Protein backbone atom coordinates (compact mmCIF):
# COMPACT_ATOMS: atom_id res chain seq x y z
CA MET A 1 -29.18 -4.66 98.86
CA LEU A 2 -28.48 -8.02 100.45
CA ALA A 3 -29.75 -8.49 103.98
CA SER A 4 -26.94 -8.34 106.52
CA ALA A 5 -26.32 -11.16 109.01
CA MET A 6 -23.32 -9.51 110.67
CA THR A 7 -22.95 -9.92 114.42
CA SER A 8 -20.72 -8.09 116.89
CA PHE A 9 -18.33 -11.05 116.67
CA ASP A 10 -18.08 -10.59 112.89
CA TYR A 11 -17.40 -6.88 113.29
CA ALA A 12 -14.72 -7.65 115.88
CA ILE A 13 -12.95 -9.98 113.44
CA LEU A 14 -13.16 -7.46 110.59
CA PHE A 15 -11.91 -4.45 112.56
CA GLY A 16 -9.36 -6.56 114.41
CA TYR A 17 -7.90 -7.54 111.06
CA LEU A 18 -7.81 -3.92 109.86
CA GLY A 19 -6.16 -2.85 113.11
CA ALA A 20 -3.51 -5.56 112.77
CA MET A 21 -2.59 -4.27 109.30
CA ALA A 22 -2.22 -0.74 110.68
CA LEU A 23 0.04 -1.99 113.48
CA MET A 24 2.24 -3.78 110.94
CA GLY A 25 2.66 -0.47 109.12
CA LEU A 26 3.81 1.20 112.36
CA TRP A 27 6.22 -1.68 113.04
CA PHE A 28 7.94 -1.34 109.67
CA SER A 29 8.01 2.46 109.81
CA ARG A 30 11.01 2.21 112.17
CA ARG A 31 13.15 0.91 109.31
CA ASN A 32 12.35 3.66 106.84
CA THR A 33 15.32 5.99 107.19
CA SER A 34 16.14 6.15 103.46
CA THR A 35 14.41 6.00 100.09
CA GLU A 36 16.27 2.76 99.34
CA GLN A 37 14.56 1.16 102.33
CA TYR A 38 11.18 2.85 101.76
CA PHE A 39 10.97 1.97 98.06
CA LEU A 40 12.87 -1.34 97.95
CA GLY A 41 13.19 -2.72 101.47
CA GLY A 42 16.96 -2.32 101.25
CA ARG A 43 16.95 -4.80 98.34
CA SER A 44 16.98 -7.61 100.91
CA VAL A 45 13.43 -9.06 100.91
CA PRO A 46 13.26 -12.90 100.76
CA GLY A 47 11.85 -14.41 97.58
CA TRP A 48 9.04 -16.40 99.21
CA ALA A 49 7.57 -13.24 100.76
CA ILE A 50 7.76 -11.36 97.47
CA GLY A 51 6.14 -14.31 95.71
CA LEU A 52 3.15 -14.36 98.08
CA SER A 53 2.93 -10.58 97.81
CA MET A 54 2.71 -10.86 94.02
CA VAL A 55 -0.04 -13.44 94.39
CA GLY A 56 -2.03 -11.19 96.69
CA THR A 57 -1.62 -8.19 94.40
CA SER A 58 -2.90 -10.14 91.40
CA ILE A 59 -6.03 -11.33 93.24
CA SER A 60 -8.17 -8.28 93.88
CA SER A 61 -11.56 -8.23 95.59
CA VAL A 62 -13.05 -8.04 92.10
CA THR A 63 -11.55 -11.48 91.41
CA PHE A 64 -12.81 -12.76 94.77
CA VAL A 65 -16.43 -12.14 93.79
CA SER A 66 -16.39 -11.98 89.96
CA PHE A 67 -14.76 -15.37 89.30
CA PRO A 68 -17.36 -17.29 91.38
CA GLY A 69 -20.12 -15.17 89.83
CA ASP A 70 -18.92 -15.91 86.31
CA ALA A 71 -18.64 -19.67 86.90
CA TYR A 72 -22.02 -19.68 88.67
CA LYS A 73 -23.81 -18.08 85.73
CA THR A 74 -21.88 -19.44 82.74
CA GLY A 75 -18.76 -21.59 82.45
CA TRP A 76 -15.00 -21.23 82.69
CA LEU A 77 -14.31 -19.15 79.56
CA ARG A 78 -12.83 -16.18 81.38
CA PHE A 79 -10.42 -18.44 83.23
CA LEU A 80 -8.60 -19.05 79.93
CA PRO A 81 -6.46 -15.87 79.83
CA ASN A 82 -4.87 -16.94 83.12
CA LEU A 83 -3.36 -20.03 81.50
CA ALA A 84 -0.83 -17.78 79.76
CA LEU A 85 0.67 -16.67 83.09
CA PRO A 86 3.22 -19.48 83.71
CA LEU A 87 4.78 -19.15 80.25
CA VAL A 88 4.95 -15.36 80.53
CA ILE A 89 6.58 -15.53 83.97
CA LEU A 90 9.11 -18.11 82.75
CA MET A 91 10.07 -15.85 79.86
CA ALA A 92 10.25 -12.75 82.07
CA ALA A 93 12.37 -14.54 84.69
CA TYR A 94 15.15 -15.35 82.26
CA LEU A 95 14.88 -12.63 79.59
CA ILE A 96 13.58 -9.51 81.35
CA LEU A 97 14.48 -9.79 85.03
CA PRO A 98 18.29 -9.66 84.46
CA PHE A 99 18.06 -6.19 82.85
CA TYR A 100 16.47 -4.64 85.91
CA ARG A 101 18.67 -6.49 88.39
CA LYS A 102 21.92 -5.69 86.58
CA ALA A 103 21.10 -2.00 86.14
CA GLY A 104 20.18 -1.57 89.81
CA VAL A 105 17.14 0.51 88.93
CA THR A 106 14.32 1.53 91.24
CA THR A 107 11.59 1.83 88.60
CA ALA A 108 10.78 0.17 85.28
CA TYR A 109 10.98 3.51 83.50
CA GLN A 110 14.66 4.15 84.15
CA TYR A 111 15.31 1.44 81.56
CA LEU A 112 13.20 3.34 79.01
CA GLU A 113 15.40 6.42 79.37
CA SER A 114 18.53 4.34 78.76
CA ARG A 115 16.91 2.78 75.70
CA PHE A 116 14.87 5.64 74.17
CA GLY A 117 15.61 8.84 76.06
CA PRO A 118 14.06 10.95 78.83
CA SER A 119 10.88 11.98 76.98
CA VAL A 120 9.65 8.40 76.62
CA ARG A 121 10.46 7.71 80.27
CA ALA A 122 8.47 10.76 81.42
CA TYR A 123 5.49 9.90 79.23
CA VAL A 124 5.20 6.25 80.27
CA ALA A 125 5.76 7.09 83.97
CA SER A 126 3.01 9.73 83.82
CA VAL A 127 0.60 7.34 82.08
CA TYR A 128 1.33 4.69 84.69
CA MET A 129 0.55 7.03 87.58
CA LEU A 130 -2.69 8.21 85.98
CA ALA A 131 -3.82 4.64 85.24
CA GLN A 132 -3.06 3.46 88.77
CA ILE A 133 -4.89 6.39 90.38
CA VAL A 134 -8.01 5.52 88.34
CA ARG A 135 -7.54 1.83 89.14
CA VAL A 136 -7.25 2.21 92.93
CA SER A 137 -10.31 4.47 93.06
CA ILE A 138 -12.39 1.90 91.17
CA ILE A 139 -11.11 -1.05 93.26
CA LEU A 140 -11.87 0.77 96.52
CA TYR A 141 -15.31 1.71 95.20
CA LEU A 142 -16.12 -1.86 94.17
CA VAL A 143 -15.01 -3.44 97.44
CA SER A 144 -16.99 -0.83 99.36
CA LEU A 145 -20.09 -1.91 97.43
CA VAL A 146 -19.57 -5.53 98.46
CA VAL A 147 -18.91 -4.68 102.11
CA HIS A 148 -21.88 -2.28 102.09
CA GLU A 149 -24.21 -4.98 100.78
CA MET A 150 -22.92 -7.59 103.21
CA THR A 151 -22.80 -5.46 106.37
CA GLY A 152 -25.37 -2.72 105.81
CA MET A 153 -22.74 -0.10 106.72
CA ASN A 154 -22.99 3.27 105.00
CA ALA A 155 -21.28 3.01 101.59
CA GLU A 156 -19.18 6.16 102.03
CA LEU A 157 -18.15 4.97 105.49
CA CYS A 158 -16.97 1.69 103.94
CA VAL A 159 -14.82 3.66 101.48
CA ILE A 160 -13.31 5.88 104.15
CA THR A 161 -12.67 3.05 106.63
CA ALA A 162 -10.94 0.72 104.18
CA GLY A 163 -9.16 3.59 102.41
CA VAL A 164 -7.76 5.13 105.60
CA PHE A 165 -6.44 1.82 106.92
CA VAL A 166 -4.71 0.80 103.68
CA ALA A 167 -3.33 4.29 103.06
CA PHE A 168 -2.02 4.56 106.63
CA TYR A 169 0.06 1.39 106.75
CA THR A 170 1.33 1.95 103.20
CA ILE A 171 2.40 5.55 103.87
CA VAL A 172 4.20 4.87 107.13
CA GLY A 173 5.51 1.38 106.37
CA GLY A 174 6.74 1.63 102.77
CA ILE A 175 7.42 -1.40 100.60
CA ASP A 176 8.22 -3.58 103.65
CA ALA A 177 4.72 -3.01 105.01
CA VAL A 178 3.24 -3.59 101.55
CA ILE A 179 4.98 -6.92 101.03
CA TRP A 180 4.54 -8.35 104.52
CA THR A 181 0.91 -7.28 104.89
CA ASP A 182 0.33 -8.76 101.44
CA VAL A 183 1.70 -12.06 102.75
CA ILE A 184 -0.89 -12.01 105.56
CA GLN A 185 -3.63 -10.87 103.20
CA THR A 186 -2.85 -13.62 100.70
CA ILE A 187 -3.15 -16.23 103.45
CA VAL A 188 -6.42 -14.65 104.67
CA LEU A 189 -8.03 -14.62 101.23
CA ILE A 190 -6.97 -18.24 100.55
CA VAL A 191 -8.35 -19.35 103.92
CA GLY A 192 -11.55 -17.42 103.23
CA GLY A 193 -12.01 -19.16 99.90
CA ILE A 194 -11.33 -22.58 101.44
CA VAL A 195 -13.84 -21.92 104.25
CA CYS A 196 -16.55 -21.03 101.72
CA LEU A 197 -15.76 -24.08 99.59
CA CYS A 198 -15.79 -26.50 102.53
CA SER A 199 -19.04 -25.02 103.84
CA ILE A 200 -20.75 -25.49 100.47
CA LEU A 201 -19.48 -29.04 99.96
CA MET A 202 -20.62 -30.09 103.43
CA SER A 203 -24.09 -28.66 102.71
CA ILE A 204 -24.58 -30.68 99.52
CA PRO A 205 -25.71 -34.30 99.96
CA GLY A 206 -23.06 -36.41 98.29
CA GLY A 207 -20.41 -33.71 98.56
CA ILE A 208 -17.91 -33.29 95.77
CA SER A 209 -19.17 -36.29 93.78
CA GLU A 210 -22.60 -34.67 93.57
CA VAL A 211 -21.00 -31.39 92.54
CA LEU A 212 -19.15 -33.07 89.70
CA HIS A 213 -22.25 -34.99 88.59
CA VAL A 214 -24.63 -32.01 88.55
CA ALA A 215 -22.08 -29.58 87.14
CA MET A 216 -21.18 -31.86 84.23
CA ALA A 217 -24.85 -32.57 83.54
CA HIS A 218 -25.42 -28.80 83.19
CA ASP A 219 -22.16 -28.13 81.24
CA LYS A 220 -20.76 -25.95 84.02
CA PHE A 221 -17.19 -27.03 83.37
CA THR A 222 -17.32 -26.05 79.71
CA LEU A 223 -15.61 -22.97 78.29
CA SER A 224 -18.93 -21.32 77.54
CA GLU A 225 -20.34 -17.84 77.73
CA MET A 226 -23.86 -16.47 77.73
CA THR A 227 -25.15 -14.91 74.50
CA ASN A 228 -28.72 -13.60 74.74
CA GLY A 229 -29.33 -15.95 77.66
CA VAL A 230 -28.05 -19.02 75.81
CA ALA A 231 -24.75 -20.75 76.64
CA SER A 232 -22.41 -21.12 73.68
CA THR A 233 -18.98 -22.76 73.50
CA PRO A 234 -16.34 -20.92 71.45
CA SER A 235 -14.15 -22.58 68.87
CA TRP A 236 -10.43 -23.30 69.22
CA GLY A 237 -9.41 -21.36 66.12
CA PHE A 238 -8.00 -17.85 65.78
CA SER A 239 -10.57 -15.18 64.95
CA ILE A 240 -10.61 -11.41 65.35
CA SER A 241 -14.39 -11.13 65.14
CA GLU A 242 -15.36 -13.37 68.07
CA LYS A 243 -14.07 -14.81 71.33
CA THR A 244 -12.23 -18.08 70.72
CA ILE A 245 -10.21 -20.23 73.09
CA SER A 246 -6.91 -19.45 71.36
CA MET A 247 -7.59 -15.71 71.25
CA MET A 248 -8.54 -15.60 74.93
CA ILE A 249 -5.22 -17.24 75.85
CA LEU A 250 -3.40 -14.82 73.55
CA LEU A 251 -5.18 -11.91 75.23
CA GLY A 252 -3.97 -13.19 78.59
CA ALA A 253 -0.42 -13.40 77.26
CA PHE A 254 -0.49 -9.74 76.20
CA THR A 255 -1.97 -8.68 79.54
CA TYR A 256 0.62 -10.50 81.62
CA LEU A 257 3.51 -9.53 79.36
CA ARG A 258 2.69 -5.88 80.00
CA GLU A 259 2.71 -6.46 83.75
CA TYR A 260 5.81 -8.67 83.99
CA CYS A 261 7.90 -6.76 81.44
CA GLY A 262 7.23 -3.21 82.52
CA GLY A 263 4.65 -2.96 85.31
CA GLN A 264 6.10 -1.00 88.22
CA ASN A 265 4.22 -3.09 90.80
CA THR A 266 6.11 -6.14 89.55
CA VAL A 267 9.48 -4.60 88.64
CA GLN A 268 9.72 -2.98 92.08
CA ARG A 269 9.52 -6.46 93.58
CA TYR A 270 12.11 -7.81 91.13
CA VAL A 271 14.70 -5.37 92.44
CA ALA A 272 13.61 -5.55 96.10
CA ALA A 273 14.66 -9.21 96.28
CA LYS A 274 17.94 -10.25 97.91
CA SER A 275 19.29 -11.69 94.67
CA THR A 276 18.35 -12.74 91.17
CA TYR A 277 17.83 -16.26 92.51
CA GLU A 278 15.38 -14.98 95.15
CA ALA A 279 13.56 -12.88 92.55
CA ARG A 280 13.13 -15.92 90.31
CA LYS A 281 11.94 -17.93 93.30
CA ALA A 282 9.27 -15.27 93.87
CA MET A 283 8.18 -15.48 90.24
CA LEU A 284 8.00 -19.28 90.43
CA ILE A 285 5.81 -19.07 93.54
CA CYS A 286 3.56 -16.59 91.75
CA ALA A 287 3.28 -18.76 88.63
CA THR A 288 2.54 -21.99 90.48
CA THR A 289 0.20 -20.49 93.08
CA ASN A 290 -1.99 -18.11 91.10
CA ILE A 291 -3.44 -20.67 88.69
CA PRO A 292 -4.73 -23.05 91.41
CA ILE A 293 -6.16 -20.11 93.39
CA TRP A 294 -7.97 -18.69 90.36
CA ALA A 295 -9.23 -22.18 89.48
CA GLY A 296 -10.38 -22.61 93.07
CA PHE A 297 -12.51 -19.47 92.91
CA MET A 298 -13.98 -20.60 89.59
CA PHE A 299 -14.77 -23.99 91.16
CA LEU A 300 -16.33 -22.16 94.09
CA GLY A 301 -18.79 -20.59 91.63
CA THR A 302 -19.56 -23.99 90.13
CA CYS A 303 -20.22 -25.38 93.61
CA LEU A 304 -22.57 -22.47 94.31
CA PHE A 305 -24.53 -23.40 91.19
CA VAL A 306 -24.91 -26.97 92.45
CA TYR A 307 -25.76 -25.80 95.98
CA TYR A 308 -28.65 -23.66 94.77
CA HIS A 309 -29.68 -26.42 92.37
CA VAL A 310 -30.05 -28.70 95.40
CA HIS A 311 -31.36 -25.94 97.72
CA PRO A 312 -33.36 -23.63 95.42
CA ASP A 313 -33.70 -19.97 96.35
CA PRO A 314 -35.55 -17.43 94.19
CA ARG A 315 -32.95 -14.73 94.92
CA ALA A 316 -30.13 -16.99 93.71
CA ALA A 317 -32.21 -17.97 90.68
CA ALA A 318 -32.57 -14.28 89.78
CA MET A 319 -28.76 -14.01 89.66
CA LEU A 320 -28.62 -17.03 87.37
CA THR A 321 -31.13 -15.60 84.90
CA GLY A 322 -29.61 -12.12 84.87
CA GLU A 323 -32.33 -10.34 86.84
CA SER A 324 -29.69 -9.64 89.50
CA LYS A 325 -25.91 -9.42 89.21
CA ALA A 326 -24.20 -12.82 89.31
CA GLU A 327 -21.31 -11.23 91.27
CA GLN A 328 -23.64 -11.08 94.28
CA ILE A 329 -23.86 -14.86 94.59
CA LEU A 330 -20.86 -15.38 96.91
CA PRO A 331 -21.76 -12.44 99.22
CA PHE A 332 -25.37 -13.72 99.24
CA TYR A 333 -24.26 -17.19 100.32
CA VAL A 334 -21.93 -15.80 102.99
CA ILE A 335 -24.50 -13.61 104.72
CA THR A 336 -27.34 -16.13 104.54
CA GLN A 337 -25.58 -19.45 105.20
CA LEU A 338 -22.37 -18.98 107.19
CA PRO A 339 -22.44 -18.87 111.00
CA PRO A 340 -21.25 -15.83 113.03
CA GLY A 341 -17.50 -15.45 112.95
CA LEU A 342 -17.08 -17.04 109.54
CA THR A 343 -19.04 -14.20 107.97
CA GLY A 344 -16.56 -11.71 109.44
CA LEU A 345 -13.66 -13.86 108.21
CA ILE A 346 -14.97 -13.86 104.63
CA ILE A 347 -15.56 -10.12 104.63
CA ALA A 348 -12.02 -9.70 105.99
CA ALA A 349 -10.81 -11.93 103.12
CA ILE A 350 -12.63 -9.80 100.53
CA THR A 351 -11.17 -6.68 102.12
CA ALA A 352 -7.72 -8.31 102.15
CA ALA A 353 -7.97 -9.04 98.44
CA ALA A 354 -8.63 -5.35 97.79
CA MET A 355 -5.99 -4.04 100.18
CA SER A 356 -3.25 -6.19 98.66
CA SER A 357 -3.90 -4.48 95.31
CA LEU A 358 -4.36 -0.98 96.72
CA ASP A 359 -1.23 -0.84 98.88
CA SER A 360 1.01 -1.97 96.02
CA SER A 361 -0.34 0.73 93.72
CA ILE A 362 -0.08 3.53 96.31
CA ASN A 363 3.55 2.66 97.04
CA SER A 364 4.49 2.27 93.38
CA ILE A 365 2.88 5.60 92.40
CA SER A 366 4.86 7.33 95.16
CA THR A 367 8.05 5.63 93.95
CA VAL A 368 7.52 6.56 90.30
CA PHE A 369 6.65 10.17 91.16
CA VAL A 370 9.79 10.71 93.25
CA VAL A 371 12.27 8.77 91.08
CA ASP A 372 11.00 9.40 87.55
CA ILE A 373 9.42 12.84 87.82
CA TYR A 374 10.31 14.86 90.91
CA ARG A 375 14.00 13.94 91.36
CA ARG A 376 14.66 13.51 87.62
CA TYR A 377 13.14 16.74 86.32
CA PHE A 378 12.20 19.19 89.07
CA VAL A 379 14.33 19.02 92.23
CA LYS A 380 17.76 17.48 91.71
CA ASN A 381 20.68 16.91 94.07
CA ARG A 382 18.82 17.20 97.37
CA THR A 383 19.39 15.01 100.41
CA ASP A 384 17.90 11.53 100.54
CA ARG A 385 15.89 12.61 103.58
CA HIS A 386 14.22 15.28 101.46
CA TYR A 387 13.14 12.73 98.85
CA LEU A 388 11.87 10.39 101.60
CA LYS A 389 9.62 13.16 102.93
CA VAL A 390 8.35 13.84 99.41
CA ALA A 391 7.57 10.11 99.05
CA TRP A 392 5.48 10.22 102.24
CA CYS A 393 3.63 13.29 100.97
CA ALA A 394 3.06 11.71 97.55
CA ALA A 395 1.66 8.51 99.09
CA THR A 396 -0.61 10.59 101.33
CA ILE A 397 -1.95 12.58 98.38
CA VAL A 398 -2.55 9.38 96.39
CA GLY A 399 -4.43 7.90 99.35
CA LEU A 400 -6.64 10.98 99.60
CA ILE A 401 -7.32 10.98 95.84
CA MET A 402 -8.16 7.27 96.01
CA ILE A 403 -10.69 7.82 98.81
CA GLY A 404 -12.12 10.92 97.11
CA GLY A 405 -12.42 9.12 93.78
CA ALA A 406 -14.22 6.16 95.36
CA VAL A 407 -16.64 8.46 97.20
CA LEU A 408 -17.27 10.34 93.95
CA LEU A 409 -18.12 7.06 92.24
CA HIS A 410 -20.82 6.57 94.85
CA GLU A 411 -22.24 10.05 94.31
CA VAL A 412 -22.45 10.29 90.51
CA PRO A 413 -23.78 7.98 87.78
CA THR A 414 -21.28 5.13 88.08
CA LYS A 415 -21.20 4.05 84.47
CA THR A 416 -20.42 7.57 83.26
CA LEU A 417 -17.49 8.12 85.60
CA GLN A 418 -16.04 4.63 85.22
CA ASP A 419 -16.31 4.89 81.44
CA THR A 420 -14.60 8.28 81.49
CA GLY A 421 -11.73 6.91 83.56
CA THR A 422 -11.42 3.86 81.33
CA ILE A 423 -11.37 6.04 78.21
CA ILE A 424 -8.64 8.32 79.61
CA VAL A 425 -6.46 5.37 80.58
CA SER A 426 -7.06 3.60 77.26
CA LEU A 427 -6.22 6.70 75.26
CA MET A 428 -2.94 7.40 77.05
CA GLY A 429 -1.88 3.89 77.98
CA GLY A 430 -2.37 2.04 74.70
CA GLY A 431 0.70 0.32 73.30
CA LEU A 432 2.92 0.37 76.40
CA LEU A 433 3.80 -3.30 75.98
CA GLY A 434 4.77 -2.56 72.37
CA ILE A 435 7.29 0.05 73.60
CA TYR A 436 8.98 -2.46 75.90
CA CYS A 437 9.00 -5.13 73.19
CA VAL A 438 10.79 -2.77 70.78
CA GLY A 439 13.27 -1.98 73.55
CA PHE A 440 13.99 -5.47 74.83
CA PHE A 441 13.66 -7.59 71.68
CA THR A 442 15.09 -5.42 68.90
CA ARG A 443 18.11 -3.17 68.32
CA ARG A 444 15.94 -0.77 66.36
CA GLY A 445 13.81 2.04 67.67
CA ASN A 446 14.52 5.45 69.18
CA ALA A 447 12.58 8.34 70.69
CA ARG A 448 11.31 9.48 67.26
CA SER A 449 10.00 6.07 66.26
CA VAL A 450 8.42 5.45 69.67
CA TRP A 451 6.61 8.79 69.63
CA LEU A 452 5.29 8.09 66.14
CA GLY A 453 4.16 4.69 67.39
CA ILE A 454 2.42 6.33 70.34
CA ALA A 455 0.64 8.76 67.99
CA CYS A 456 -0.56 5.93 65.73
CA THR A 457 -1.70 3.88 68.72
CA LEU A 458 -3.63 6.85 70.16
CA LEU A 459 -5.42 7.30 66.84
CA PHE A 460 -6.26 3.59 66.76
CA VAL A 461 -7.59 3.54 70.33
CA THR A 462 -9.62 6.70 69.70
CA TRP A 463 -11.22 5.04 66.68
CA THR A 464 -12.16 1.93 68.65
CA LEU A 465 -13.54 3.95 71.55
CA ILE A 466 -15.77 5.96 69.22
CA ALA A 467 -16.88 2.76 67.49
CA LYS A 468 -17.75 1.25 70.87
CA ASN A 469 -19.48 4.22 72.51
CA ARG A 470 -20.80 6.27 69.56
CA PRO A 471 -20.99 4.01 66.48
CA ASP A 472 -23.53 6.39 64.92
CA LEU A 473 -20.74 8.93 64.37
CA LEU A 474 -18.82 6.65 62.00
CA PRO A 475 -19.59 5.77 58.38
CA HIS A 476 -20.05 2.10 57.61
CA PHE A 477 -16.55 1.61 56.15
CA LEU A 478 -15.02 2.78 59.44
CA LYS A 479 -16.83 0.20 61.59
CA VAL A 480 -14.49 -1.92 63.71
CA PRO A 481 -14.02 -5.32 62.01
CA PHE A 482 -12.81 -7.11 65.15
CA ASP A 483 -14.15 -7.94 68.60
CA LEU A 484 -13.37 -4.94 70.85
CA TYR A 485 -12.11 -7.44 73.44
CA TYR A 486 -8.91 -7.55 71.39
CA THR A 487 -8.24 -3.79 71.21
CA ASP A 488 -5.22 -4.12 73.51
CA ILE A 489 -3.63 -6.78 71.29
CA PHE A 490 -3.91 -4.69 68.13
CA GLY A 491 -2.83 -1.49 69.88
CA ASN A 492 0.41 -3.09 71.04
CA LEU A 493 1.05 -4.65 67.63
CA ILE A 494 0.67 -1.23 66.01
CA MET A 495 3.05 0.31 68.54
CA PHE A 496 5.65 -2.41 67.94
CA PHE A 497 5.34 -2.32 64.13
CA VAL A 498 5.62 1.48 63.85
CA GLY A 499 8.35 1.74 66.49
CA TYR A 500 10.47 -0.93 64.85
CA CYS A 501 9.97 0.04 61.20
CA VAL A 502 10.42 3.78 61.67
CA GLY A 503 13.46 3.10 63.84
CA ALA A 504 14.94 0.91 61.11
CA LEU A 505 14.27 3.47 58.35
CA TRP A 506 15.26 6.50 60.45
CA PRO A 507 17.89 5.29 62.92
CA ASP A 508 19.59 7.30 65.62
CA ARG A 509 23.29 6.82 64.91
CA GLN A 510 24.41 8.40 68.16
CA ARG A 511 22.52 6.13 70.57
CA ASP A 512 24.36 3.01 71.73
CA VAL A 513 21.98 0.20 72.76
CA THR A 514 24.67 -2.30 73.72
CA GLY A 515 23.56 -4.26 76.75
CA LEU A 516 19.96 -3.00 76.51
CA THR A 517 18.45 -5.79 74.39
CA VAL A 518 18.16 -9.56 74.79
CA TRP A 519 20.55 -9.98 71.87
CA ASP A 520 23.44 -8.52 73.86
CA LYS A 521 23.25 -10.73 76.94
């Protein structure tokens, strides 16, 4: 564990920040007299606030420490997938956004029922909730590790403290609290990153010119990765058997398409905006802000490499060689080099990065449960007040599961539990982008073809998971011929191909898809 340099001033800043978030939740709770307000802010949220909220949600605490760690140890290869974001957002703003705005939906999965029927809606909504529950538990666990190492606080106490605060303001404040606290959290995490960067540059003789000189001399700006301790630069070509520059960008495109075409976290913000114009403004802010922020955190890692090149430290060197985790480099610098007060600010920034992801997921799970499951299938035609109370209960249960899951990750072998969660989500969630692509971009496809596509995708994902975790169980001719990094790409292609072809060969004559595809705009 890293030695803590926290002072009472640092603790005051950290807990003052957490308390301010809780008070914001109480402030917005006064507005929540209907599900429309609780889930969508009355569909009247300004675009700039939604845009900053989307930025904060996309930058988790994992990004805050893993991007600098990656650039510190290797190069900028894993920054490549992010370059696909602006193009994906541009496409979503003009092709996908109008469907959700025109239909006046609350969730992304109401569209799937219109397009494919209620069974597909229920399946995808259920998969989404399961995936998000696993995700929030892992995020809370990971941020608690960082805070634990930096402060020396008990790990379980870190989980409970952060979890209770984020669950509280999300439960009582609804989407308004989520968006407006995300605005504050985005500003905090950006300021935290800038403070770290300025501190490092001022501590290096020659400043930024020295950083550029040393970094280029050691190939730290290259798109390289470490293979057996040796840096290697990938090619530009397309290849399914290795990581290449083109394939990494393509992987990013698939990842962001899934989020901006059918991710509830994002779609809920689309329809919470005052107008289509405001929603597009939010997307533009997200597209133009995320890339510089991500690049800034990568550059922060490069600066850390130069700093410890100029000011050698055996503990930092161990992170460079792989004896210790490279993700510890930013926390290590913060607790050993920053003065009191700034340490608390950076820990608050790391916590903010986590909370902006957690609150969005808690609120969206509650929304999906009430709209797509509870009100659609189990309890119909009750008062809006009844559904609002159920939403509060659902968010509370999700918060408790999140805290319990993160504590459990501390108590059991981490790799086993994380792998189990990843396997469950991969098995059920494979091909979701393919479903939306069949729906939005073709007139083919129906419930039968989508379910066959889901079955084929599940078989494919099962095969790749066995090949990754138990290759000894497979004969040689069943070995995976591609880099497992690209499993998501192939899973979605299979879903799209089967869904489209089976739908074309076995059409549903009774289903009218007019107005549900991009070809009918």
